[in-house]
C-alpha atoms as a PDB file:
ATOM      1  CA  MET A   1     -39.488  72.708 -35.365  1.00  0.00           C
ATOM      2  CA  ARG A   2     -42.624  74.120 -33.098  1.00  0.00           C
ATOM      3  CA  TYR A   3     -41.595  77.052 -30.641  1.00  0.00           C
ATOM      4  CA  GLY A   4     -43.338  77.103 -27.284  1.00  0.00           C
ATOM      5  CA  TYR A   5     -43.266  79.099 -24.537  1.00  0.00           C
ATOM      6  CA  TRP A   6     -43.517  78.802 -20.347  1.00  0.00           C
ATOM      7  CA  LEU A   7     -46.458  81.197 -19.653  1.00  0.00           C
ATOM      8  CA  PRO A   8     -45.285  83.705 -16.647  1.00  0.00           C
ATOM      9  CA  ILE A   9     -47.770  82.917 -14.248  1.00  0.00           C
ATOM     10  CA  PHE A  10     -45.428  83.980 -11.589  1.00  0.00           C
ATOM     11  CA  GLY A  11     -44.300  87.205 -12.739  1.00  0.00           C
ATOM     12  CA  GLY A  12     -41.316  86.458 -13.975  1.00  0.00           C
ATOM     13  CA  TRP A  13     -38.544  84.167 -14.256  1.00  0.00           C
ATOM     14  CA  LEU A  14     -35.547  85.693 -12.449  1.00  0.00           C
ATOM     15  CA  ARG A  15     -34.850  85.547  -8.898  1.00  0.00           C
ATOM     16  CA  ASN A  16     -32.306  88.421  -8.216  1.00  0.00           C
ATOM     17  CA  VAL A  17     -34.858  90.650 -10.135  1.00  0.00           C
ATOM     18  CA  GLU A  18     -38.313  91.745  -8.346  1.00  0.00           C
ATOM     19  CA  ASP A  19     -40.193  93.357 -11.032  1.00  0.00           C
ATOM     20  CA  GLU A  20     -39.386  92.041 -14.623  1.00  0.00           C
ATOM     21  CA  GLY A  21     -42.422  93.866 -15.967  1.00  0.00           C
ATOM     22  CA  MET A  22     -45.236  91.245 -16.055  1.00  0.00           C
ATOM     23  CA  ALA A  23     -47.097  91.112 -13.572  1.00  0.00           C
ATOM     24  CA  PRO A  24     -48.659  87.741 -12.772  1.00  0.00           C
ATOM     25  CA  SER A  25     -52.406  88.906 -13.940  1.00  0.00           C
ATOM     26  CA  TRP A  26     -54.914  87.734 -16.403  1.00  0.00           C
ATOM     27  CA  GLU A  27     -54.758  90.995 -18.463  1.00  0.00           C
ATOM     28  CA  TYR A  28     -50.527  90.300 -18.832  1.00  0.00           C
ATOM     29  CA  VAL A  29     -51.034  86.295 -19.717  1.00  0.00           C
ATOM     30  CA  LYS A  30     -53.941  87.208 -22.047  1.00  0.00           C
ATOM     31  CA  LYS A  31     -52.652  89.495 -24.011  1.00  0.00           C
ATOM     32  CA  LEU A  32     -49.115  87.295 -24.200  1.00  0.00           C
ATOM     33  CA  ALA A  33     -50.951  84.198 -25.508  1.00  0.00           C
ATOM     34  CA  VAL A  34     -52.696  86.526 -28.297  1.00  0.00           C
ATOM     35  CA  ARG A  35     -49.501  88.100 -28.978  1.00  0.00           C
ATOM     36  CA  SER A  36     -47.416  85.006 -29.248  1.00  0.00           C
ATOM     37  CA  GLU A  37     -50.012  83.524 -31.179  1.00  0.00           C
ATOM     38  CA  GLU A  38     -49.684  86.122 -33.922  1.00  0.00           C
ATOM     39  CA  ILE A  39     -45.800  86.099 -34.629  1.00  0.00           C
ATOM     40  CA  GLY A  40     -44.937  82.122 -34.547  1.00  0.00           C
ATOM     41  CA  PHE A  41     -45.427  80.503 -31.285  1.00  0.00           C
ATOM     42  CA  ASP A  42     -47.990  77.245 -31.407  1.00  0.00           C
ATOM     43  CA  LEU A  43     -47.348  76.206 -27.905  1.00  0.00           C
ATOM     44  CA  ALA A  44     -47.892  77.955 -24.385  1.00  0.00           C
ATOM     45  CA  LEU A  45     -46.843  75.883 -21.080  1.00  0.00           C
ATOM     46  CA  ILE A  46     -48.934  76.828 -18.095  1.00  0.00           C
ATOM     47  CA  ALA A  47     -46.835  75.296 -14.947  1.00  0.00           C
ATOM     48  CA  GLU A  48     -48.757  74.563 -11.652  1.00  0.00           C
ATOM     49  CA  LEU A  49     -47.610  75.904  -8.535  1.00  0.00           C
ATOM     50  CA  TYR A  50     -50.075  77.251  -5.731  1.00  0.00           C
ATOM     51  CA  LEU A  51     -47.044  78.820  -4.174  1.00  0.00           C
ATOM     52  CA  ASN A  52     -44.391  81.357  -5.858  1.00  0.00           C
ATOM     53  CA  ASP A  53     -41.409  79.213  -6.868  1.00  0.00           C
ATOM     54  CA  ILE A  54     -39.652  82.225  -8.493  1.00  0.00           C
ATOM     55  CA  LYS A  55     -40.527  85.128  -6.350  1.00  0.00           C
ATOM     56  CA  GLY A  56     -41.147  83.813  -3.294  1.00  0.00           C
ATOM     57  CA  GLU A  57     -43.642  81.963  -0.993  1.00  0.00           C
ATOM     58  CA  GLU A  58     -45.295  85.229  -0.070  1.00  0.00           C
ATOM     59  CA  ALA A  59     -45.733  86.022  -3.685  1.00  0.00           C
ATOM     60  CA  PRO A  60     -48.961  85.887  -6.120  1.00  0.00           C
ATOM     61  CA  SER A  61     -49.044  83.453  -8.993  1.00  0.00           C
ATOM     62  CA  LEU A  62     -51.889  82.510 -11.058  1.00  0.00           C
ATOM     63  CA  ASP A  63     -53.859  79.282 -10.989  1.00  0.00           C
ATOM     64  CA  ALA A  64     -52.828  76.465 -13.836  1.00  0.00           C
ATOM     65  CA  TRP A  65     -56.443  75.248 -14.477  1.00  0.00           C
ATOM     66  CA  SER A  66     -58.663  78.491 -14.024  1.00  0.00           C
ATOM     67  CA  THR A  67     -56.281  80.055 -16.427  1.00  0.00           C
ATOM     68  CA  ALA A  68     -55.918  77.460 -19.135  1.00  0.00           C
ATOM     69  CA  ALA A  69     -59.859  77.333 -19.678  1.00  0.00           C
ATOM     70  CA  ALA A  70     -59.535  81.305 -20.044  1.00  0.00           C
ATOM     71  CA  LEU A  71     -56.814  81.426 -22.544  1.00  0.00           C
ATOM     72  CA  ALA A  72     -58.642  78.531 -24.442  1.00  0.00           C
ATOM     73  CA  ALA A  73     -61.642  80.693 -25.310  1.00  0.00           C
ATOM     74  CA  VAL A  74     -59.354  83.952 -26.316  1.00  0.00           C
ATOM     75  CA  THR A  75     -56.582  82.083 -28.298  1.00  0.00           C
ATOM     76  CA  GLN A  76     -57.262  80.255 -31.838  1.00  0.00           C
ATOM     77  CA  LYS A  77     -54.273  77.927 -32.980  1.00  0.00           C
ATOM     78  CA  GLN A  78     -51.950  77.368 -29.846  1.00  0.00           C
ATOM     79  CA  GLU A  79     -51.475  74.142 -28.266  1.00  0.00           C
ATOM     80  CA  LEU A  80     -52.253  74.882 -24.098  1.00  0.00           C
ATOM     81  CA  MET A  81     -49.909  72.361 -22.377  1.00  0.00           C
ATOM     82  CA  VAL A  82     -51.025  72.584 -18.948  1.00  0.00           C
ATOM     83  CA  ALA A  83     -48.803  71.113 -15.789  1.00  0.00           C
ATOM     84  CA  VAL A  84     -50.532  68.980 -13.402  1.00  0.00           C
ATOM     85  CA  ARG A  85     -49.765  67.150 -10.224  1.00  0.00           C
ATOM     86  CA  PRO A  86     -51.492  63.862  -9.338  1.00  0.00           C
ATOM     87  CA  THR A  87     -51.014  64.302  -5.764  1.00  0.00           C
ATOM     88  CA  PHE A  88     -53.493  67.114  -6.193  1.00  0.00           C
ATOM     89  CA  HIS A  89     -55.843  66.395  -8.245  1.00  0.00           C
ATOM     90  CA  ASN A  90     -58.526  63.322  -8.168  1.00  0.00           C
ATOM     91  CA  PRO A  91     -57.582  61.629 -11.953  1.00  0.00           C
ATOM     92  CA  ALA A  92     -61.209  61.184 -12.574  1.00  0.00           C
ATOM     93  CA  LEU A  93     -62.254  64.596 -11.355  1.00  0.00           C
ATOM     94  CA  LEU A  94     -59.626  66.391 -13.610  1.00  0.00           C
ATOM     95  CA  ALA A  95     -60.282  64.080 -16.704  1.00  0.00           C
ATOM     96  CA  LYS A  96     -63.856  65.843 -16.444  1.00  0.00           C
ATOM     97  CA  GLN A  97     -62.351  69.323 -15.888  1.00  0.00           C
ATOM     98  CA  ALA A  98     -59.884  69.017 -18.975  1.00  0.00           C
ATOM     99  CA  ALA A  99     -62.029  67.150 -21.123  1.00  0.00           C
ATOM    100  CA  ASN A 100     -64.003  70.364 -20.817  1.00  0.00           C
ATOM    101  CA  ILE A 101     -61.297  72.556 -21.936  1.00  0.00           C
ATOM    102  CA  ASP A 102     -60.327  70.671 -24.229  1.00  0.00           C
ATOM    103  CA  HIS A 103     -63.934  71.315 -26.146  1.00  0.00           C
ATOM    104  CA  ILE A 104     -63.275  75.020 -25.199  1.00  0.00           C
ATOM    105  CA  SER A 105     -60.205  75.476 -27.042  1.00  0.00           C
ATOM    106  CA  GLY A 106     -61.263  72.935 -29.785  1.00  0.00           C
ATOM    107  CA  GLY A 107     -58.861  70.041 -29.442  1.00  0.00           C
ATOM    108  CA  ARG A 108     -55.861  71.926 -28.095  1.00  0.00           C
ATOM    109  CA  LEU A 109     -55.410  70.931 -24.509  1.00  0.00           C
ATOM    110  CA  SER A 110     -52.407  68.623 -23.687  1.00  0.00           C
ATOM    111  CA  LEU A 111     -51.012  68.033 -20.464  1.00  0.00           C
ATOM    112  CA  ASN A 112     -47.614  67.984 -18.518  1.00  0.00           C
ATOM    113  CA  VAL A 113     -47.664  65.260 -15.863  1.00  0.00           C
ATOM    114  CA  VAL A 114     -45.586  66.554 -12.950  1.00  0.00           C
ATOM    115  CA  SER A 115     -44.873  64.501  -9.859  1.00  0.00           C
ATOM    116  CA  SER A 116     -44.398  67.487  -7.503  1.00  0.00           C
ATOM    117  CA  TRP A 117     -41.486  68.253  -5.703  1.00  0.00           C
ATOM    118  CA  TRP A 118     -42.355  71.077  -3.201  1.00  0.00           C
ATOM    119  CA  LYS A 119     -43.115  69.433   0.446  1.00  0.00           C
ATOM    120  CA  ASP A 120     -43.512  72.798   1.560  1.00  0.00           C
ATOM    121  CA  GLU A 121     -45.976  73.674  -0.389  1.00  0.00           C
ATOM    122  CA  ALA A 122     -47.559  70.636  -0.044  1.00  0.00           C
ATOM    123  CA  GLU A 123     -48.419  70.830   3.266  1.00  0.00           C
ATOM    124  CA  LYS A 124     -49.451  74.240   3.309  1.00  0.00           C
ATOM    125  CA  TYR A 125     -52.276  73.119   1.016  1.00  0.00           C
ATOM    126  CA  GLY A 126     -53.137  70.399   2.735  1.00  0.00           C
ATOM    127  CA  ILE A 127     -51.504  67.674   0.618  1.00  0.00           C
ATOM    128  CA  SER A 128     -49.832  64.666   1.744  1.00  0.00           C
ATOM    129  CA  PHE A 129     -46.325  64.265   0.282  1.00  0.00           C
ATOM    130  CA  LYS A 130     -45.105  61.347  -0.180  1.00  0.00           C
ATOM    131  CA  GLN A 131     -41.282  59.381  -0.971  1.00  0.00           C
ATOM    132  CA  HIS A 132     -40.025  59.994  -4.997  1.00  0.00           C
ATOM    133  CA  ASP A 133     -40.650  56.294  -6.046  1.00  0.00           C
ATOM    134  CA  ASP A 134     -43.945  56.645  -4.117  1.00  0.00           C
ATOM    135  CA  ARG A 135     -45.327  59.242  -5.972  1.00  0.00           C
ATOM    136  CA  TYR A 136     -44.515  57.551  -9.482  1.00  0.00           C
ATOM    137  CA  ALA A 137     -46.074  54.443  -8.296  1.00  0.00           C
ATOM    138  CA  ARG A 138     -49.531  56.992  -7.929  1.00  0.00           C
ATOM    139  CA  THR A 139     -48.965  59.047 -10.588  1.00  0.00           C
ATOM    140  CA  ALA A 140     -48.981  55.308 -12.932  1.00  0.00           C
ATOM    141  CA  GLU A 141     -51.926  54.632 -11.237  1.00  0.00           C
ATOM    142  CA  TRP A 142     -53.695  58.423 -11.922  1.00  0.00           C
ATOM    143  CA  LEU A 143     -52.681  58.102 -15.567  1.00  0.00           C
ATOM    144  CA  LYS A 144     -54.366  54.924 -15.722  1.00  0.00           C
ATOM    145  CA  VAL A 145     -57.816  56.452 -15.024  1.00  0.00           C
ATOM    146  CA  VAL A 146     -57.386  59.343 -16.798  1.00  0.00           C
ATOM    147  CA  ASP A 147     -56.505  57.335 -19.802  1.00  0.00           C
ATOM    148  CA  ASN A 148     -59.389  55.272 -19.521  1.00  0.00           C
ATOM    149  CA  VAL A 149     -62.549  57.550 -18.621  1.00  0.00           C
ATOM    150  CA  TRP A 150     -60.984  59.573 -21.200  1.00  0.00           C
ATOM    151  CA  LYS A 151     -61.458  56.913 -24.132  1.00  0.00           C
ATOM    152  CA  GLN A 152     -64.583  54.539 -22.392  1.00  0.00           C
ATOM    153  CA  ASP A 153     -67.517  54.714 -20.428  1.00  0.00           C
ATOM    154  CA  HIS A 154     -68.242  52.699 -17.863  1.00  0.00           C
ATOM    155  CA  PHE A 155     -64.701  52.068 -16.172  1.00  0.00           C
ATOM    156  CA  SER A 156     -63.879  50.608 -13.262  1.00  0.00           C
ATOM    157  CA  PHE A 157     -60.313  50.382 -11.439  1.00  0.00           C
ATOM    158  CA  ASN A 158     -59.543  49.263  -7.929  1.00  0.00           C
ATOM    159  CA  GLY A 159     -55.713  50.157  -7.320  1.00  0.00           C
ATOM    160  CA  SER A 160     -54.148  51.364  -4.226  1.00  0.00           C
ATOM    161  CA  TYR A 161     -54.669  54.645  -4.392  1.00  0.00           C
ATOM    162  CA  TYR A 162     -57.437  55.532  -6.624  1.00  0.00           C
ATOM    163  CA  ASN A 163     -61.039  53.951  -6.870  1.00  0.00           C
ATOM    164  CA  VAL A 164     -63.110  54.576  -9.727  1.00  0.00           C
ATOM    165  CA  LYS A 165     -66.724  52.663  -9.945  1.00  0.00           C
ATOM    166  CA  ASP A 166     -68.275  52.359 -13.413  1.00  0.00           C
ATOM    167  CA  ASN A 167     -67.575  56.389 -14.143  1.00  0.00           C
ATOM    168  CA  VAL A 168     -68.962  57.747 -17.198  1.00  0.00           C
ATOM    169  CA  LEU A 169     -67.176  60.900 -18.412  1.00  0.00           C
ATOM    170  CA  GLN A 170     -69.358  63.102 -21.105  1.00  0.00           C
ATOM    171  CA  PRO A 171     -68.784  64.931 -23.273  1.00  0.00           C
ATOM    172  CA  LYS A 172     -65.552  63.093 -24.257  1.00  0.00           C
ATOM    173  CA  PRO A 173     -62.378  65.369 -24.839  1.00  0.00           C
ATOM    174  CA  VAL A 174     -62.807  65.952 -29.087  1.00  0.00           C
ATOM    175  CA  ALA A 175     -62.931  63.592 -30.993  1.00  0.00           C
ATOM    176  CA  ASN A 176     -60.485  63.693 -33.869  1.00  0.00           C
ATOM    177  CA  ARG A 177     -57.747  61.819 -31.550  1.00  0.00           C
ATOM    178  CA  SER A 178     -57.227  59.290 -29.051  1.00  0.00           C
ATOM    179  CA  ARG A 179     -57.045  61.195 -26.489  1.00  0.00           C
ATOM    180  CA  PRO A 180     -55.216  64.452 -25.469  1.00  0.00           C
ATOM    181  CA  ASN A 181     -51.363  63.938 -25.457  1.00  0.00           C
ATOM    182  CA  ILE A 182     -49.603  63.735 -22.425  1.00  0.00           C
ATOM    183  CA  TYR A 183     -46.156  64.853 -21.595  1.00  0.00           C
ATOM    184  CA  ALA A 184     -43.906  64.268 -18.868  1.00  0.00           C
ATOM    185  CA  GLY A 185     -40.389  64.894 -17.540  1.00  0.00           C
ATOM    186  CA  GLY A 186     -38.055  63.647 -15.132  1.00  0.00           C
ATOM    187  CA  GLU A 187     -34.527  62.382 -14.786  1.00  0.00           C
ATOM    188  CA  SER A 188     -34.690  59.691 -12.369  1.00  0.00           C
ATOM    189  CA  GLU A 189     -34.900  55.663 -13.499  1.00  0.00           C
ATOM    190  CA  ALA A 190     -38.793  55.680 -12.192  1.00  0.00           C
ATOM    191  CA  ALA A 191     -39.480  58.604 -14.084  1.00  0.00           C
ATOM    192  CA  LYS A 192     -37.848  57.519 -17.096  1.00  0.00           C
ATOM    193  CA  GLU A 193     -39.617  54.336 -17.133  1.00  0.00           C
ATOM    194  CA  LEU A 194     -43.499  55.381 -16.445  1.00  0.00           C
ATOM    195  CA  ILE A 195     -42.764  58.254 -18.942  1.00  0.00           C
ATOM    196  CA  SER A 196     -41.639  55.528 -21.790  1.00  0.00           C
ATOM    197  CA  ALA A 197     -44.337  53.414 -21.098  1.00  0.00           C
ATOM    198  CA  THR A 198     -47.642  56.212 -20.980  1.00  0.00           C
ATOM    199  CA  CYS A 199     -47.088  59.419 -22.138  1.00  0.00           C
ATOM    200  CA  ASP A 200     -46.601  60.914 -25.458  1.00  0.00           C
ATOM    201  CA  GLY A 201     -43.523  63.222 -25.139  1.00  0.00           C
ATOM    202  CA  TYR A 202     -40.828  64.037 -23.179  1.00  0.00           C
ATOM    203  CA  VAL A 203     -40.489  67.696 -22.148  1.00  0.00           C
ATOM    204  CA  MET A 204     -36.302  68.352 -20.314  1.00  0.00           C
ATOM    205  CA  HIS A 205     -35.098  70.595 -18.527  1.00  0.00           C
ATOM    206  CA  GLY A 206     -31.952  72.515 -20.361  1.00  0.00           C
ATOM    207  CA  ASP A 207     -28.893  71.027 -21.082  1.00  0.00           C
ATOM    208  CA  SER A 208     -26.225  71.082 -24.484  1.00  0.00           C
ATOM    209  CA  PRO A 209     -27.630  69.281 -27.084  1.00  0.00           C
ATOM    210  CA  GLU A 210     -24.661  66.418 -26.374  1.00  0.00           C
ATOM    211  CA  LEU A 211     -26.442  65.426 -23.052  1.00  0.00           C
ATOM    212  CA  ILE A 212     -30.501  66.053 -24.438  1.00  0.00           C
ATOM    213  CA  ALA A 213     -28.926  63.315 -27.429  1.00  0.00           C
ATOM    214  CA  ARG A 214     -28.441  60.769 -24.813  1.00  0.00           C
ATOM    215  CA  ARG A 215     -31.826  61.225 -22.960  1.00  0.00           C
ATOM    216  CA  ILE A 216     -33.708  61.138 -26.380  1.00  0.00           C
ATOM    217  CA  ASN A 217     -31.967  58.071 -27.355  1.00  0.00           C
ATOM    218  CA  ASP A 218     -32.471  56.383 -23.931  1.00  0.00           C
ATOM    219  CA  LEU A 219     -36.618  57.059 -24.000  1.00  0.00           C
ATOM    220  CA  ARG A 220     -36.328  56.033 -27.937  1.00  0.00           C
ATOM    221  CA  GLU A 221     -34.684  52.662 -26.974  1.00  0.00           C
ATOM    222  CA  ARG A 222     -37.096  51.971 -23.621  1.00  0.00           C
ATOM    223  CA  ARG A 223     -40.514  52.730 -26.446  1.00  0.00           C
ATOM    224  CA  ASP A 224     -38.661  50.395 -28.950  1.00  0.00           C
ATOM    225  CA  ARG A 225     -38.410  47.517 -26.396  1.00  0.00           C
ATOM    226  CA  LYS A 226     -42.513  48.167 -25.117  1.00  0.00           C
ATOM    227  CA  GLY A 227     -42.880  48.531 -28.910  1.00  0.00           C
ATOM    228  CA  LEU A 228     -44.903  51.814 -28.699  1.00  0.00           C
ATOM    229  CA  PRO A 229     -44.593  54.552 -31.437  1.00  0.00           C
ATOM    230  CA  PRO A 230     -42.249  57.813 -30.918  1.00  0.00           C
ATOM    231  CA  MET A 231     -42.446  60.380 -28.156  1.00  0.00           C
ATOM    232  CA  LYS A 232     -42.153  63.540 -29.016  1.00  0.00           C
ATOM    233  CA  PHE A 233     -39.376  65.581 -27.271  1.00  0.00           C
ATOM    234  CA  GLY A 234     -38.887  69.008 -25.744  1.00  0.00           C
ATOM    235  CA  VAL A 235     -36.108  71.160 -23.869  1.00  0.00           C
ATOM    236  CA  ALA A 236     -36.930  73.876 -21.773  1.00  0.00           C
ATOM    237  CA  ALA A 237     -34.369  77.073 -22.582  1.00  0.00           C
ATOM    238  CA  TYR A 238     -33.640  80.399 -21.371  1.00  0.00           C
ATOM    239  CA  SER A 239     -33.023  82.646 -24.256  1.00  0.00           C
ATOM    240  CA  ILE A 240     -30.934  85.930 -24.855  1.00  0.00           C
ATOM    241  CA  ILE A 241     -30.685  87.361 -28.070  1.00  0.00           C
ATOM    242  CA  ARG A 242     -28.095  90.682 -28.677  1.00  0.00           C
ATOM    243  CA  ASN A 243     -26.349  92.207 -31.244  1.00  0.00           C
ATOM    244  CA  SER A 244     -22.529  91.723 -29.722  1.00  0.00           C
ATOM    245  CA  ASP A 245     -20.952  88.929 -27.522  1.00  0.00           C
ATOM    246  CA  VAL A 246     -20.931  92.088 -24.589  1.00  0.00           C
ATOM    247  CA  GLU A 247     -24.256  92.853 -24.463  1.00  0.00           C
ATOM    248  CA  VAL A 248     -24.883  89.169 -24.055  1.00  0.00           C
ATOM    249  CA  LYS A 249     -22.114  88.877 -21.588  1.00  0.00           C
ATOM    250  CA  GLN A 250     -24.114  92.160 -19.762  1.00  0.00           C
ATOM    251  CA  GLU A 251     -27.357  90.653 -19.693  1.00  0.00           C
ATOM    252  CA  LEU A 252     -26.132  87.530 -18.524  1.00  0.00           C
ATOM    253  CA  GLU A 253     -24.500  88.747 -15.306  1.00  0.00           C
ATOM    254  CA  ARG A 254     -27.817  91.068 -14.545  1.00  0.00           C
ATOM    255  CA  ILE A 255     -29.695  87.902 -14.283  1.00  0.00           C
ATOM    256  CA  THR A 256     -27.499  85.302 -12.661  1.00  0.00           C
ATOM    257  CA  ASN A 257     -26.521  87.135  -8.931  1.00  0.00           C
ATOM    258  CA  VAL A 258     -28.776  85.407  -6.608  1.00  0.00           C
ATOM    259  CA  LYS A 259     -27.949  86.317  -2.984  1.00  0.00           C
ATOM    260  CA  GLU A 260     -27.584  83.456  -0.227  1.00  0.00           C
ATOM    261  CA  GLY A 261     -30.550  84.248   2.155  1.00  0.00           C
ATOM    262  CA  SER A 262     -32.719  85.549  -0.850  1.00  0.00           C
ATOM    263  CA  SER A 263     -36.575  83.887  -1.297  1.00  0.00           C
ATOM    264  CA  GLY A 264     -34.879  82.567  -4.757  1.00  0.00           C
ATOM    265  CA  TYR A 265     -32.150  81.083  -2.396  1.00  0.00           C
ATOM    266  CA  LYS A 266     -34.838  79.596   0.015  1.00  0.00           C
ATOM    267  CA  ASN A 267     -36.719  77.604  -2.972  1.00  0.00           C
ATOM    268  CA  TYR A 268     -33.235  76.357  -4.270  1.00  0.00           C
ATOM    269  CA  GLN A 269     -32.713  74.503  -1.221  1.00  0.00           C
ATOM    270  CA  GLN A 270     -36.256  72.906  -0.921  1.00  0.00           C
ATOM    271  CA  TRP A 271     -35.754  72.317  -4.974  1.00  0.00           C
ATOM    272  CA  LEU A 272     -32.387  70.010  -4.657  1.00  0.00           C
ATOM    273  CA  SER A 273     -33.873  67.959  -1.739  1.00  0.00           C
ATOM    274  CA  GLY A 274     -37.114  67.218  -3.432  1.00  0.00           C
ATOM    275  CA  THR A 275     -35.876  65.815  -6.851  1.00  0.00           C
ATOM    276  CA  GLN A 276     -33.565  63.654  -8.284  1.00  0.00           C
ATOM    277  CA  LEU A 277     -31.296  64.397 -11.133  1.00  0.00           C
ATOM    278  CA  GLU A 278     -28.256  62.953 -13.246  1.00  0.00           C
ATOM    279  CA  GLN A 279     -26.153  66.108 -12.774  1.00  0.00           C
ATOM    280  CA  GLN A 280     -25.474  68.682  -9.750  1.00  0.00           C
ATOM    281  CA  VAL A 281     -26.983  71.909 -10.684  1.00  0.00           C
ATOM    282  CA  SER A 282     -25.213  75.028  -9.660  1.00  0.00           C
ATOM    283  CA  LEU A 283     -27.191  77.969  -8.282  1.00  0.00           C
ATOM    284  CA  GLN A 284     -26.445  79.632 -11.404  1.00  0.00           C
ATOM    285  CA  ASP A 285     -28.148  77.760 -13.717  1.00  0.00           C
ATOM    286  CA  TYR A 286     -30.833  78.074 -10.655  1.00  0.00           C
ATOM    287  CA  SER A 287     -31.087  81.451 -11.086  1.00  0.00           C
ATOM    288  CA  VAL A 288     -33.280  80.766 -14.335  1.00  0.00           C
ATOM    289  CA  SER A 289     -36.187  78.339 -14.080  1.00  0.00           C
ATOM    290  CA  ASN A 290     -35.206  74.935 -15.379  1.00  0.00           C
ATOM    291  CA  ARG A 291     -32.063  75.016 -16.183  1.00  0.00           C
ATOM    292  CA  GLY A 292     -32.671  77.062 -19.070  1.00  0.00           C
ATOM    293  CA  LEU A 293     -29.600  78.737 -19.549  1.00  0.00           C
ATOM    294  CA  ARG A 294     -27.589  75.321 -20.511  1.00  0.00           C
ATOM    295  CA  SER A 295     -29.651  74.631 -23.811  1.00  0.00           C
ATOM    296  CA  GLY A 296     -27.572  77.679 -24.866  1.00  0.00           C
ATOM    297  CA  LEU A 297     -29.919  79.994 -26.435  1.00  0.00           C
ATOM    298  CA  ILE A 298     -27.483  82.859 -26.020  1.00  0.00           C
ATOM    299  CA  GLY A 299     -25.900  85.041 -28.232  1.00  0.00           C
ATOM    300  CA  THR A 300     -25.996  87.049 -31.572  1.00  0.00           C
ATOM    301  CA  PRO A 301     -29.136  85.838 -33.660  1.00  0.00           C
ATOM    302  CA  TRP A 302     -27.053  83.707 -36.410  1.00  0.00           C
ATOM    303  CA  GLN A 303     -25.188  81.703 -32.944  1.00  0.00           C
ATOM    304  CA  VAL A 304     -29.094  81.057 -31.789  1.00  0.00           C
ATOM    305  CA  GLN A 305     -29.912  79.733 -34.990  1.00  0.00           C
ATOM    306  CA  ASP A 306     -27.076  77.218 -35.537  1.00  0.00           C
ATOM    307  CA  ARG A 307     -27.482  76.482 -31.297  1.00  0.00           C
ATOM    308  CA  ILE A 308     -31.209  75.536 -32.702  1.00  0.00           C
ATOM    309  CA  ALA A 309     -30.071  73.399 -35.767  1.00  0.00           C
ATOM    310  CA  GLU A 310     -27.884  71.296 -33.535  1.00  0.00           C
ATOM    311  CA  PHE A 311     -30.740  70.683 -31.446  1.00  0.00           C
ATOM    312  CA  GLU A 312     -33.283  69.772 -34.586  1.00  0.00           C
ATOM    313  CA  LYS A 313     -30.496  67.677 -35.760  1.00  0.00           C
ATOM    314  CA  ILE A 314     -30.618  64.936 -32.294  1.00  0.00           C
ATOM    315  CA  GLY A 315     -34.512  64.847 -32.842  1.00  0.00           C
ATOM    316  CA  VAL A 316     -35.966  68.012 -30.728  1.00  0.00           C
ATOM    317  CA  ASP A 317     -39.128  68.394 -31.694  1.00  0.00           C
ATOM    318  CA  PHE A 318     -39.893  72.041 -29.757  1.00  0.00           C
ATOM    319  CA  PHE A 319     -38.377  74.561 -27.091  1.00  0.00           C
ATOM    320  CA  LEU A 320     -40.141  75.541 -23.999  1.00  0.00           C
ATOM    321  CA  LEU A 321     -38.637  79.166 -23.954  1.00  0.00           C
ATOM    322  CA  GLN A 322     -38.476  81.496 -21.017  1.00  0.00           C
ATOM    323  CA  CYS A 323     -36.982  84.899 -21.009  1.00  0.00           C
ATOM    324  CA  SER A 324     -37.233  88.285 -19.556  1.00  0.00           C
ATOM    325  CA  PRO A 325     -39.503  90.638 -20.007  1.00  0.00           C
ATOM    326  CA  GLN A 326     -41.227  87.872 -21.869  1.00  0.00           C
ATOM    327  CA  LEU A 327     -43.430  89.964 -24.166  1.00  0.00           C
ATOM    328  CA  GLU A 328     -40.304  92.177 -25.613  1.00  0.00           C
ATOM    329  CA  GLU A 329     -38.263  89.304 -25.721  1.00  0.00           C
ATOM    330  CA  MET A 330     -40.571  87.091 -27.682  1.00  0.00           C
ATOM    331  CA  GLU A 331     -41.138  89.511 -30.260  1.00  0.00           C
ATOM    332  CA  ARG A 332     -37.622  89.271 -30.926  1.00  0.00           C
ATOM    333  CA  PHE A 333     -36.910  86.230 -30.345  1.00  0.00           C
ATOM    334  CA  ALA A 334     -39.701  85.464 -33.042  1.00  0.00           C
ATOM    335  CA  GLU A 335     -37.805  88.683 -35.762  1.00  0.00           C
ATOM    336  CA  GLU A 336     -34.242  87.110 -35.323  1.00  0.00           C
ATOM    337  CA  VAL A 337     -34.995  83.040 -34.969  1.00  0.00           C
ATOM    338  CA  ILE A 338     -38.414  82.092 -36.059  1.00  0.00           C
ATOM    339  CA  THR A 339     -39.388  84.637 -39.412  1.00  0.00           C
ATOM    340  CA  THR A 340     -35.861  84.407 -40.115  1.00  0.00           C
ATOM    341  CA  ILE A 341     -35.593  80.445 -40.288  1.00  0.00           C
ATOM    342  CA  ALA A 342     -38.702  80.030 -42.210  1.00  0.00           C
ATOM    343  CA  ASN A 343     -37.285  82.201 -44.633  1.00  0.00           C
ATOM    344  CA  ALA A 344     -34.351  80.734 -45.160  1.00  0.00           C
END
């Protein structure tokens, strides 16, 4: 099992707590990335949103790609999984930028391709926002361009969304692999079919091991039908580790009381209107990002260890953790879970 985390570019994950003690600043994310390598976290997901989805549109948030480039230069081992939305990036230009960061990192860059959901954000930044399935058609072309310009020179493509003529991209990404790994998530039929055909890994919102197992089996069957190699599977999770059930309950109550009318509630409604999910999502689910509470990495250290074992048994390869305050809780997770399991 690998342990990754979401870089808190929004200043936190709680929609009901204004200041979580983890400022959206270069100083904080640099400190977090460097320390997290030391304590056993080997993957960082850097989300891409130009507006702050967690604290409200007026709040600050960090840019994903310039942050990734800076982190590539100050970390040594950590995989940097940078979110990218095809709607916002020309594919050949993004491939050039990503290849450069890949060299800065020594071959540690990967992409998390996200087919956008936030209509208001796109319009505020002058981006045309299409219907759900149309966005996936665009993403399919985008991936084809990125993959090919990474692998060959003099590539040309004439599609419905993108046109590339005799492209030359040098230097290519670091040469010890065919390309940087590409991950994506989504629960619609369009998403799952695209991901199974074009990506190296599938990242999922939080859910129980039973539901995650169904999604893993679905993607495995799709890959097998296409004659493609196995994928990697990751799950989002919000972590709460305490010494007693009473302490766990107190922390849950603290983080889930999002009120109607708050900035977080407004974004909750926009998110629901822009996604296609397999299940209804409650406001409590949305109180933290990406349904993280549903994964159940909540409880005493041994309860969390047992839960991780359930996910590992069904084929989960890595977690992407959120917690608050991030650094302090990751220190706790590393001591109580990562180190304990490694020494067992």
